[in-house]
Amino acid sequence: MSLKDEVKIALIKKGWSQRELARQMNITMSYLADILKENRKPKERLKQIEKLLDIKFDEKQEV
């Protein structure tokens, strides 16, 4: 499953939008979009997403 799909499912379960996730992370929507498209892979932000959404990404996605 892609990073974007995992986040999308977790957001639905939490009742959040991508905009809300970006707000909680204190980043822009475009920066979040880059992360979800895997154009950027900042480890600290991926860990922040995991914590906020209570999920765990595959190790291969964090490379």
C-alpha atoms as a PDB file:
ATOM      1  CA  MET A   1       0.000   0.000   0.000  1.00  0.00           C
ATOM      2  CA  SER A   2       1.331   3.457  -0.849  1.00  0.00           C
ATOM      3  CA  LEU A   3       2.128   6.065   1.752  1.00  0.00           C
ATOM      4  CA  LYS A   4      -0.693   8.241   0.437  1.00  0.00           C
ATOM      5  CA  ASP A   5      -3.211   5.386   0.722  1.00  0.00           C
ATOM      6  CA  GLU A   6      -2.144   4.573   4.285  1.00  0.00           C
ATOM      7  CA  VAL A   7      -2.489   8.203   5.314  1.00  0.00           C
ATOM      8  CA  LYS A   8      -5.834   8.532   3.527  1.00  0.00           C
ATOM      9  CA  ILE A   9      -7.265   5.547   5.428  1.00  0.00           C
ATOM     10  CA  ALA A  10      -5.917   6.838   8.749  1.00  0.00           C
ATOM     11  CA  LEU A  11      -7.363  10.294   8.074  1.00  0.00           C
ATOM     12  CA  ILE A  12     -10.797   8.813   7.391  1.00  0.00           C
ATOM     13  CA  LYS A  13     -10.653   6.811  10.635  1.00  0.00           C
ATOM     14  CA  LYS A  14      -9.675   9.941  12.560  1.00  0.00           C
ATOM     15  CA  GLY A  15     -12.201  12.138  10.778  1.00  0.00           C
ATOM     16  CA  TRP A  16      -9.510  14.549   9.552  1.00  0.00           C
ATOM     17  CA  SER A  17      -8.833  16.100   6.177  1.00  0.00           C
ATOM     18  CA  GLN A  18      -5.383  16.499   4.662  1.00  0.00           C
ATOM     19  CA  ARG A  19      -5.738  20.190   5.470  1.00  0.00           C
ATOM     20  CA  GLU A  20      -6.250  19.358   9.152  1.00  0.00           C
ATOM     21  CA  LEU A  21      -3.206  17.079   9.132  1.00  0.00           C
ATOM     22  CA  ALA A  22      -1.103  19.848   7.592  1.00  0.00           C
ATOM     23  CA  ARG A  23      -2.401  22.271  10.222  1.00  0.00           C
ATOM     24  CA  GLN A  24      -1.574  19.855  13.049  1.00  0.00           C
ATOM     25  CA  MET A  25       1.930  19.450  11.610  1.00  0.00           C
ATOM     26  CA  ASN A  26       2.325  23.216  11.122  1.00  0.00           C
ATOM     27  CA  ILE A  27       3.246  22.793   7.439  1.00  0.00           C
ATOM     28  CA  THR A  28       1.673  23.895   4.166  1.00  0.00           C
ATOM     29  CA  MET A  29      -0.697  21.756   2.149  1.00  0.00           C
ATOM     30  CA  SER A  30       1.769  21.713  -0.760  1.00  0.00           C
ATOM     31  CA  TYR A  31       4.554  20.412   1.498  1.00  0.00           C
ATOM     32  CA  LEU A  32       2.236  17.691   2.816  1.00  0.00           C
ATOM     33  CA  ALA A  33       1.267  16.814  -0.767  1.00  0.00           C
ATOM     34  CA  ASP A  34       4.952  16.421  -1.671  1.00  0.00           C
ATOM     35  CA  ILE A  35       5.412  14.072   1.292  1.00  0.00           C
ATOM     36  CA  LEU A  36       2.347  12.013   0.377  1.00  0.00           C
ATOM     37  CA  LYS A  37       3.464  11.780  -3.272  1.00  0.00           C
ATOM     38  CA  GLU A  38       6.828  10.617  -1.908  1.00  0.00           C
ATOM     39  CA  ASN A  39       8.636  13.450  -3.677  1.00  0.00           C
ATOM     40  CA  ARG A  40      10.071  14.298  -0.274  1.00  0.00           C
ATOM     41  CA  LYS A  41      10.816  11.845   2.533  1.00  0.00           C
ATOM     42  CA  PRO A  42      11.783  13.835   5.617  1.00  0.00           C
ATOM     43  CA  LYS A  43      12.118  11.259   8.370  1.00  0.00           C
ATOM     44  CA  GLU A  44      11.072  13.657  11.114  1.00  0.00           C
ATOM     45  CA  ARG A  45       7.850  14.539   9.277  1.00  0.00           C
ATOM     46  CA  LEU A  46       7.061  10.892   8.529  1.00  0.00           C
ATOM     47  CA  LYS A  47       7.466  10.127  12.225  1.00  0.00           C
ATOM     48  CA  GLN A  48       5.206  13.059  13.048  1.00  0.00           C
ATOM     49  CA  ILE A  49       2.509  11.704  10.711  1.00  0.00           C
ATOM     50  CA  GLU A  50       2.824   8.268  12.329  1.00  0.00           C
ATOM     51  CA  LYS A  51       2.382   9.775  15.779  1.00  0.00           C
ATOM     52  CA  LEU A  52      -0.540  12.049  14.875  1.00  0.00           C
ATOM     53  CA  LEU A  53      -2.438   9.331  13.010  1.00  0.00           C
ATOM     54  CA  ASP A  54      -1.350   6.424  15.233  1.00  0.00           C
ATOM     55  CA  ILE A  55      -0.020   4.373  12.322  1.00  0.00           C
ATOM     56  CA  LYS A  56       3.305   2.760  11.395  1.00  0.00           C
ATOM     57  CA  PHE A  57       4.781   2.988   7.896  1.00  0.00           C
ATOM     58  CA  ASP A  58       6.771   0.215   6.261  1.00  0.00           C
ATOM     59  CA  GLU A  59      10.520   0.656   6.663  1.00  0.00           C
ATOM     60  CA  LYS A  60      10.975   0.679   2.889  1.00  0.00           C
ATOM     61  CA  GLN A  61       8.875   3.851   2.611  1.00  0.00           C
ATOM     62  CA  GLU A  62      11.147   5.741   4.965  1.00  0.00           C
ATOM     63  CA  VAL A  63      14.286   5.266   2.848  1.00  0.00           C
END
